[in-house]
Each structure stands twice: as structure tokens, then as C-alpha cells.
Amino acid sequence: MNDVSPSPLLRVVLRADSFATSAAGTVTLIAVLCGLVFTDTVAGIVAAVVLFAAWIAVGWTGRRHQRRDGGAELP
């Protein structure tokens, strides 16, 4: 187990991962993504792609940190 606390940026990413993996967070993100795609504008679709990529990156980082740290929760 790693005794070093995460950096402030990693803490923000882990909080975002915690929200995104909750039921309410997932529903919210899906609704926002659909809303952006259905604006039928290039900017809306680009924003949806960027948000989706950020969602994937945050989830990947959260899972990697969880595996590395043995599943420890944030204090």
C-alpha cells in the first residue's frame, strides 16, 4: 500500500470518477451527452466528444489508482 497522499489534481480526478460511477452521475452524463449531440451543431458534437473522452480518461485513471492503491478510499 502506498502511504503518499494523492496530488490535488489527482484528488479532483478521483472525485470526478466517484461522481461519474455513481448512478446519478452516469444518468447526468448520459443526459448531457445526448443533449449536446441533439443540438445538431458541430460545436455540440465536438463538446460531446470531448466530454466523453474526459469521462473515459477519468474512469481509466480512477481504476488505475484503485488497482495500484489496493482499493483504498480517499480520506
PDB file of N, CA and C in Angstrom:
ATOM      1  N   MET A   1       0.838  -1.185   0.000  1.00  0.00           N
ATOM      2  CA  MET A   1       0.000   0.000   0.000  1.00  0.00           C
ATOM      3  C   MET A   1       0.875   1.238   0.000  1.00  0.00           C
ATOM      4  N   ASN A   2       0.429   2.257  -0.673  1.00  0.00           N
ATOM      5  CA  ASN A   2       1.181   3.488  -0.817  1.00  0.00           C
ATOM      6  C   ASN A   2       0.737   4.484   0.248  1.00  0.00           C
ATOM      7  N   ASP A   3       1.675   4.992   1.065  1.00  0.00           N
ATOM      8  CA  ASP A   3       1.332   5.927   2.135  1.00  0.00           C
ATOM      9  C   ASP A   3       1.332   7.383   1.685  1.00  0.00           C
ATOM     10  N   VAL A   4       1.734   7.650   0.456  1.00  0.00           N
ATOM     11  CA  VAL A   4       1.775   9.012  -0.063  1.00  0.00           C
ATOM     12  C   VAL A   4       0.369   9.410  -0.502  1.00  0.00           C
ATOM     13  N   SER A   5      -0.090  10.573  -0.044  1.00  0.00           N
ATOM     14  CA  SER A   5      -1.430  11.016  -0.431  1.00  0.00           C
ATOM     15  C   SER A   5      -1.402  11.531  -1.868  1.00  0.00           C
ATOM     16  N   PRO A   6      -2.533  11.428  -2.567  1.00  0.00           N
ATOM     17  CA  PRO A   6      -2.576  11.870  -3.962  1.00  0.00           C
ATOM     18  C   PRO A   6      -2.415  13.387  -4.087  1.00  0.00           C
ATOM     19  N   SER A   7      -1.926  13.805  -5.232  1.00  0.00           N
ATOM     20  CA  SER A   7      -1.771  15.233  -5.509  1.00  0.00           C
ATOM     21  C   SER A   7      -3.151  15.890  -5.589  1.00  0.00           C
ATOM     22  N   PRO A   8      -3.203  17.211  -5.478  1.00  0.00           N
ATOM     23  CA  PRO A   8      -4.508  17.898  -5.571  1.00  0.00           C
ATOM     24  C   PRO A   8      -5.237  17.626  -6.899  1.00  0.00           C
ATOM     25  N   LEU A   9      -4.504  17.574  -8.001  1.00  0.00           N
ATOM     26  CA  LEU A   9      -5.144  17.299  -9.291  1.00  0.00           C
ATOM     27  C   LEU A   9      -5.702  15.881  -9.327  1.00  0.00           C
ATOM     28  N   LEU A  10      -4.938  14.924  -8.803  1.00  0.00           N
ATOM     29  CA  LEU A  10      -5.426  13.548  -8.765  1.00  0.00           C
ATOM     30  C   LEU A  10      -6.646  13.429  -7.863  1.00  0.00           C
ATOM     31  N   ARG A  11      -6.690  14.187  -6.780  1.00  0.00           N
ATOM     32  CA  ARG A  11      -7.867  14.186  -5.906  1.00  0.00           C
ATOM     33  C   ARG A  11      -9.107  14.657  -6.667  1.00  0.00           C
ATOM     34  N   VAL A  12      -8.953  15.702  -7.481  1.00  0.00           N
ATOM     35  CA  VAL A  12     -10.078  16.206  -8.277  1.00  0.00           C
ATOM     36  C   VAL A  12     -10.537  15.140  -9.271  1.00  0.00           C
ATOM     37  N   VAL A  13      -9.573  14.496  -9.925  1.00  0.00           N
ATOM     38  CA  VAL A  13      -9.908  13.453 -10.892  1.00  0.00           C
ATOM     39  C   VAL A  13     -10.622  12.289 -10.203  1.00  0.00           C
ATOM     40  N   LEU A  14     -10.147  11.908  -9.016  1.00  0.00           N
ATOM     41  CA  LEU A  14     -10.777  10.803  -8.295  1.00  0.00           C
ATOM     42  C   LEU A  14     -12.179  11.169  -7.806  1.00  0.00           C
ATOM     43  N   ARG A  15     -12.384  12.426  -7.424  1.00  0.00           N
ATOM     44  CA  ARG A  15     -13.740  12.869  -7.052  1.00  0.00           C
ATOM     45  C   ARG A  15     -14.663  12.831  -8.266  1.00  0.00           C
ATOM     46  N   ALA A  16     -14.140  13.262  -9.419  1.00  0.00           N
ATOM     47  CA  ALA A  16     -14.946  13.213 -10.646  1.00  0.00           C
ATOM     48  C   ALA A  16     -15.275  11.769 -11.004  1.00  0.00           C
ATOM     49  N   ASP A  17     -14.317  10.864 -10.812  1.00  0.00           N
ATOM     50  CA  ASP A  17     -14.568   9.443 -11.073  1.00  0.00           C
ATOM     51  C   ASP A  17     -15.629   8.905 -10.125  1.00  0.00           C
ATOM     52  N   SER A  18     -15.568   9.315  -8.880  1.00  0.00           N
ATOM     53  CA  SER A  18     -16.563   8.875  -7.908  1.00  0.00           C
ATOM     54  C   SER A  18     -17.961   9.324  -8.326  1.00  0.00           C
ATOM     55  N   PHE A  19     -18.074  10.574  -8.797  1.00  0.00           N
ATOM     56  CA  PHE A  19     -19.368  11.078  -9.263  1.00  0.00           C
ATOM     57  C   PHE A  19     -19.810  10.338 -10.527  1.00  0.00           C
ATOM     58  N   ALA A  20     -18.891  10.156 -11.464  1.00  0.00           N
ATOM     59  CA  ALA A  20     -19.238   9.552 -12.750  1.00  0.00           C
ATOM     60  C   ALA A  20     -19.659   8.096 -12.614  1.00  0.00           C
ATOM     61  N   THR A  21     -19.147   7.403 -11.612  1.00  0.00           N
ATOM     62  CA  THR A  21     -19.504   5.992 -11.454  1.00  0.00           C
ATOM     63  C   THR A  21     -20.744   5.792 -10.590  1.00  0.00           C
ATOM     64  N   SER A  22     -21.244   6.866  -9.990  1.00  0.00           N
ATOM     65  CA  SER A  22     -22.500   6.744  -9.237  1.00  0.00           C
ATOM     66  C   SER A  22     -23.669   6.700 -10.225  1.00  0.00           C
ATOM     67  N   ALA A  23     -24.789   6.208  -9.773  1.00  0.00           N
ATOM     68  CA  ALA A  23     -25.963   6.113 -10.648  1.00  0.00           C
ATOM     69  C   ALA A  23     -26.410   7.491 -11.132  1.00  0.00           C
ATOM     70  N   ALA A  24     -26.477   8.441 -10.215  1.00  0.00           N
ATOM     71  CA  ALA A  24     -26.905   9.795 -10.587  1.00  0.00           C
ATOM     72  C   ALA A  24     -25.904  10.449 -11.549  1.00  0.00           C
ATOM     73  N   GLY A  25     -24.634  10.217 -11.312  1.00  0.00           N
ATOM     74  CA  GLY A  25     -23.603  10.793 -12.184  1.00  0.00           C
ATOM     75  C   GLY A  25     -23.663  10.231 -13.585  1.00  0.00           C
ATOM     76  N   THR A  26     -23.865   8.922 -13.685  1.00  0.00           N
ATOM     77  CA  THR A  26     -23.945   8.292 -15.006  1.00  0.00           C
ATOM     78  C   THR A  26     -25.156   8.791 -15.778  1.00  0.00           C
ATOM     79  N   VAL A  27     -26.288   8.876 -15.119  1.00  0.00           N
ATOM     80  CA  VAL A  27     -27.502   9.370 -15.781  1.00  0.00           C
ATOM     81  C   VAL A  27     -27.316  10.823 -16.210  1.00  0.00           C
ATOM     82  N   THR A  28     -26.714  11.626 -15.351  1.00  0.00           N
ATOM     83  CA  THR A  28     -26.477  13.030 -15.684  1.00  0.00           C
ATOM     84  C   THR A  28     -25.556  13.168 -16.891  1.00  0.00           C
ATOM     85  N   LEU A  29     -24.459  12.414 -16.887  1.00  0.00           N
ATOM     86  CA  LEU A  29     -23.522  12.496 -18.013  1.00  0.00           C
ATOM     87  C   LEU A  29     -24.158  12.030 -19.317  1.00  0.00           C
ATOM     88  N   ILE A  30     -24.944  10.973 -19.255  1.00  0.00           N
ATOM     89  CA  ILE A  30     -25.610  10.488 -20.470  1.00  0.00           C
ATOM     90  C   ILE A  30     -26.612  11.517 -20.979  1.00  0.00           C
ATOM     91  N   ALA A  31     -27.351  12.139 -20.068  1.00  0.00           N
ATOM     92  CA  ALA A  31     -28.321  13.168 -20.479  1.00  0.00           C
ATOM     93  C   ALA A  31     -27.619  14.370 -21.110  1.00  0.00           C
ATOM     94  N   VAL A  32     -26.526  14.786 -20.517  1.00  0.00           N
ATOM     95  CA  VAL A  32     -25.772  15.927 -21.067  1.00  0.00           C
ATOM     96  C   VAL A  32     -25.193  15.567 -22.432  1.00  0.00           C
ATOM     97  N   LEU A  33     -24.635  14.364 -22.551  1.00  0.00           N
ATOM     98  CA  LEU A  33     -24.095  13.930 -23.848  1.00  0.00           C
ATOM     99  C   LEU A  33     -25.176  13.905 -24.920  1.00  0.00           C
ATOM    100  N   CYS A  34     -26.328  13.342 -24.599  1.00  0.00           N
ATOM    101  CA  CYS A  34     -27.430  13.312 -25.571  1.00  0.00           C
ATOM    102  C   CYS A  34     -27.889  14.719 -25.925  1.00  0.00           C
ATOM    103  N   GLY A  35     -27.991  15.578 -24.917  1.00  0.00           N
ATOM    104  CA  GLY A  35     -28.389  16.959 -25.178  1.00  0.00           C
ATOM    105  C   GLY A  35     -27.415  17.667 -26.099  1.00  0.00           C
ATOM    106  N   LEU A  36     -26.135  17.436 -25.894  1.00  0.00           N
ATOM    107  CA  LEU A  36     -25.133  18.067 -26.759  1.00  0.00           C
ATOM    108  C   LEU A  36     -25.190  17.520 -28.183  1.00  0.00           C
ATOM    109  N   VAL A  37     -25.366  16.222 -28.322  1.00  0.00           N
ATOM    110  CA  VAL A  37     -25.428  15.625 -29.663  1.00  0.00           C
ATOM    111  C   VAL A  37     -26.674  16.092 -30.403  1.00  0.00           C
ATOM    112  N   PHE A  38     -27.797  16.180 -29.694  1.00  0.00           N
ATOM    113  CA  PHE A  38     -29.052  16.551 -30.342  1.00  0.00           C
ATOM    114  C   PHE A  38     -29.179  18.050 -30.615  1.00  0.00           C
ATOM    115  N   THR A  39     -28.185  18.850 -30.224  1.00  0.00           N
ATOM    116  CA  THR A  39     -28.207  20.255 -30.634  1.00  0.00           C
ATOM    117  C   THR A  39     -28.007  20.366 -32.139  1.00  0.00           C
ATOM    118  N   ASP A  40     -27.462  19.302 -32.715  1.00  0.00           N
ATOM    119  CA  ASP A  40     -27.262  19.231 -34.170  1.00  0.00           C
ATOM    120  C   ASP A  40     -26.341  20.326 -34.685  1.00  0.00           C
ATOM    121  N   THR A  41     -25.387  20.707 -33.853  1.00  0.00           N
ATOM    122  CA  THR A  41     -24.369  21.655 -34.292  1.00  0.00           C
ATOM    123  C   THR A  41     -23.003  20.987 -34.164  1.00  0.00           C
ATOM    124  N   VAL A  42     -22.068  21.483 -34.918  1.00  0.00           N
ATOM    125  CA  VAL A  42     -20.708  20.951 -34.847  1.00  0.00           C
ATOM    126  C   VAL A  42     -20.137  21.173 -33.451  1.00  0.00           C
ATOM    127  N   ALA A  43     -20.380  22.347 -32.892  1.00  0.00           N
ATOM    128  CA  ALA A  43     -19.861  22.648 -31.557  1.00  0.00           C
ATOM    129  C   ALA A  43     -20.437  21.697 -30.508  1.00  0.00           C
ATOM    130  N   GLY A  44     -21.717  21.362 -30.626  1.00  0.00           N
ATOM    131  CA  GLY A  44     -22.341  20.442 -29.685  1.00  0.00           C
ATOM    132  C   GLY A  44     -21.756  19.048 -29.780  1.00  0.00           C
ATOM    133  N   ILE A  45     -21.527  18.605 -31.002  1.00  0.00           N
ATOM    134  CA  ILE A  45     -20.954  17.271 -31.194  1.00  0.00           C
ATOM    135  C   ILE A  45     -19.507  17.233 -30.717  1.00  0.00           C
ATOM    136  N   VAL A  46     -18.749  18.276 -30.996  1.00  0.00           N
ATOM    137  CA  VAL A  46     -17.362  18.337 -30.522  1.00  0.00           C
ATOM    138  C   VAL A  46     -17.332  18.360 -28.995  1.00  0.00           C
ATOM    139  N   ALA A  47     -18.212  19.132 -28.388  1.00  0.00           N
ATOM    140  CA  ALA A  47     -18.272  19.184 -26.925  1.00  0.00           C
ATOM    141  C   ALA A  47     -18.646  17.817 -26.352  1.00  0.00           C
ATOM    142  N   ALA A  48     -19.557  17.101 -27.002  1.00  0.00           N
ATOM    143  CA  ALA A  48     -19.942  15.763 -26.544  1.00  0.00           C
ATOM    144  C   ALA A  48     -18.767  14.796 -26.650  1.00  0.00           C
ATOM    145  N   VAL A  49     -18.018  14.883 -27.723  1.00  0.00           N
ATOM    146  CA  VAL A  49     -16.852  14.011 -27.897  1.00  0.00           C
ATOM    147  C   VAL A  49     -15.802  14.313 -26.837  1.00  0.00           C
ATOM    148  N   VAL A  50     -15.562  15.589 -26.567  1.00  0.00           N
ATOM    149  CA  VAL A  50     -14.581  15.972 -25.548  1.00  0.00           C
ATOM    150  C   VAL A  50     -15.039  15.516 -24.168  1.00  0.00           C
ATOM    151  N   LEU A  51     -16.318  15.698 -23.850  1.00  0.00           N
ATOM    152  CA  LEU A  51     -16.851  15.258 -22.561  1.00  0.00           C
ATOM    153  C   LEU A  51     -16.759  13.738 -22.418  1.00  0.00           C
ATOM    154  N   PHE A  52     -17.077  13.015 -23.489  1.00  0.00           N
ATOM    155  CA  PHE A  52     -16.994  11.562 -23.449  1.00  0.00           C
ATOM    156  C   PHE A  52     -15.551  11.103 -23.255  1.00  0.00           C
ATOM    157  N   ALA A  53     -14.620  11.741 -23.948  1.00  0.00           N
ATOM    158  CA  ALA A  53     -13.200  11.395 -23.792  1.00  0.00           C
ATOM    159  C   ALA A  53     -12.723  11.685 -22.370  1.00  0.00           C
ATOM    160  N   ALA A  54     -13.183  12.787 -21.793  1.00  0.00           N
ATOM    161  CA  ALA A  54     -12.812  13.107 -20.411  1.00  0.00           C
ATOM    162  C   ALA A  54     -13.405  12.079 -19.453  1.00  0.00           C
ATOM    163  N   TRP A  55     -14.638  11.648 -19.712  1.00  0.00           N
ATOM    164  CA  TRP A  55     -15.292  10.636 -18.886  1.00  0.00           C
ATOM    165  C   TRP A  55     -14.496   9.329 -18.911  1.00  0.00           C
ATOM    166  N   ILE A  56     -14.054   8.929 -20.088  1.00  0.00           N
ATOM    167  CA  ILE A  56     -13.248   7.713 -20.231  1.00  0.00           C
ATOM    168  C   ILE A  56     -11.913   7.877 -19.506  1.00  0.00           C
ATOM    169  N   ALA A  57     -11.262   9.023 -19.684  1.00  0.00           N
ATOM    170  CA  ALA A  57      -9.953   9.253 -19.057  1.00  0.00           C
ATOM    171  C   ALA A  57     -10.053   9.271 -17.533  1.00  0.00           C
ATOM    172  N   VAL A  58     -11.084   9.899 -17.010  1.00  0.00           N
ATOM    173  CA  VAL A  58     -11.287   9.952 -15.560  1.00  0.00           C
ATOM    174  C   VAL A  58     -11.555   8.548 -15.015  1.00  0.00           C
ATOM    175  N   GLY A  59     -12.362   7.775 -15.712  1.00  0.00           N
ATOM    176  CA  GLY A  59     -12.641   6.410 -15.283  1.00  0.00           C
ATOM    177  C   GLY A  59     -11.407   5.531 -15.327  1.00  0.00           C
ATOM    178  N   TRP A  60     -10.621   5.673 -16.374  1.00  0.00           N
ATOM    179  CA  TRP A  60      -9.393   4.896 -16.501  1.00  0.00           C
ATOM    180  C   TRP A  60      -8.423   5.246 -15.377  1.00  0.00           C
ATOM    181  N   THR A  61      -8.276   6.544 -15.108  1.00  0.00           N
ATOM    182  CA  THR A  61      -7.380   6.987 -14.034  1.00  0.00           C
ATOM    183  C   THR A  61      -7.865   6.484 -12.684  1.00  0.00           C
ATOM    184  N   GLY A  62      -9.151   6.556 -12.445  1.00  0.00           N
ATOM    185  CA  GLY A  62      -9.704   6.073 -11.181  1.00  0.00           C
ATOM    186  C   GLY A  62      -9.473   4.589 -10.978  1.00  0.00           C
ATOM    187  N   ARG A  63      -9.700   3.797 -12.029  1.00  0.00           N
ATOM    188  CA  ARG A  63      -9.490   2.353 -11.914  1.00  0.00           C
ATOM    189  C   ARG A  63      -8.015   2.028 -11.717  1.00  0.00           C
ATOM    190  N   ARG A  64      -7.155   2.745 -12.415  1.00  0.00           N
ATOM    191  CA  ARG A  64      -5.713   2.517 -12.279  1.00  0.00           C
ATOM    192  C   ARG A  64      -5.256   2.842 -10.856  1.00  0.00           C
ATOM    193  N   HIS A  65      -5.737   3.951 -10.330  1.00  0.00           N
ATOM    194  CA  HIS A  65      -5.372   4.336  -8.969  1.00  0.00           C
ATOM    195  C   HIS A  65      -5.916   3.329  -7.959  1.00  0.00           C
ATOM    196  N   GLN A  66      -7.119   2.848  -8.195  1.00  0.00           N
ATOM    197  CA  GLN A  66      -7.730   1.876  -7.287  1.00  0.00           C
ATOM    198  C   GLN A  66      -6.935   0.565  -7.282  1.00  0.00           C
ATOM    199  N   ARG A  67      -6.533   0.102  -8.463  1.00  0.00           N
ATOM    200  CA  ARG A  67      -5.736  -1.126  -8.543  1.00  0.00           C
ATOM    201  C   ARG A  67      -4.367  -0.944  -7.874  1.00  0.00           C
ATOM    202  N   ARG A  68      -3.757   0.191  -8.124  1.00  0.00           N
ATOM    203  CA  ARG A  68      -2.413   0.469  -7.599  1.00  0.00           C
ATOM    204  C   ARG A  68      -2.425   0.628  -6.083  1.00  0.00           C
ATOM    205  N   ASP A  69      -3.490   1.215  -5.583  1.00  0.00           N
ATOM    206  CA  ASP A  69      -3.560   1.538  -4.151  1.00  0.00           C
ATOM    207  C   ASP A  69      -4.293   0.458  -3.357  1.00  0.00           C
ATOM    208  N   GLY A  70      -4.670  -0.605  -3.977  1.00  0.00           N
ATOM    209  CA  GLY A  70      -5.349  -1.680  -3.269  1.00  0.00           C
ATOM    210  C   GLY A  70      -6.790  -1.378  -2.913  1.00  0.00           C
ATOM    211  N   GLY A  71      -7.412  -0.456  -3.617  1.00  0.00           N
ATOM    212  CA  GLY A  71      -8.825  -0.155  -3.383  1.00  0.00           C
ATOM    213  C   GLY A  71      -9.078   0.794  -2.221  1.00  0.00           C
ATOM    214  N   ALA A  72      -8.058   1.507  -1.771  1.00  0.00           N
ATOM    215  CA  ALA A  72      -8.234   2.434  -0.649  1.00  0.00           C
ATOM    216  C   ALA A  72      -9.090   3.616  -1.085  1.00  0.00           C
ATOM    217  N   GLU A  73      -9.933   4.072  -0.187  1.00  0.00           N
ATOM    218  CA  GLU A  73     -10.795   5.229  -0.439  1.00  0.00           C
ATOM    219  C   GLU A  73     -10.035   6.515  -0.110  1.00  0.00           C
ATOM    220  N   LEU A  74     -10.513   7.608  -0.673  1.00  0.00           N
ATOM    221  CA  LEU A  74      -9.940   8.916  -0.332  1.00  0.00           C
ATOM    222  C   LEU A  74     -10.337   9.302   1.083  1.00  0.00           C
ATOM    223  N   PRO A  75      -9.451   9.962   1.802  1.00  0.00           N
ATOM    224  CA  PRO A  75      -9.805  10.380   3.173  1.00  0.00           C
ATOM    225  C   PRO A  75     -10.841  11.483   3.178  1.00  0.00           C
TER     226      PRO A  75
END
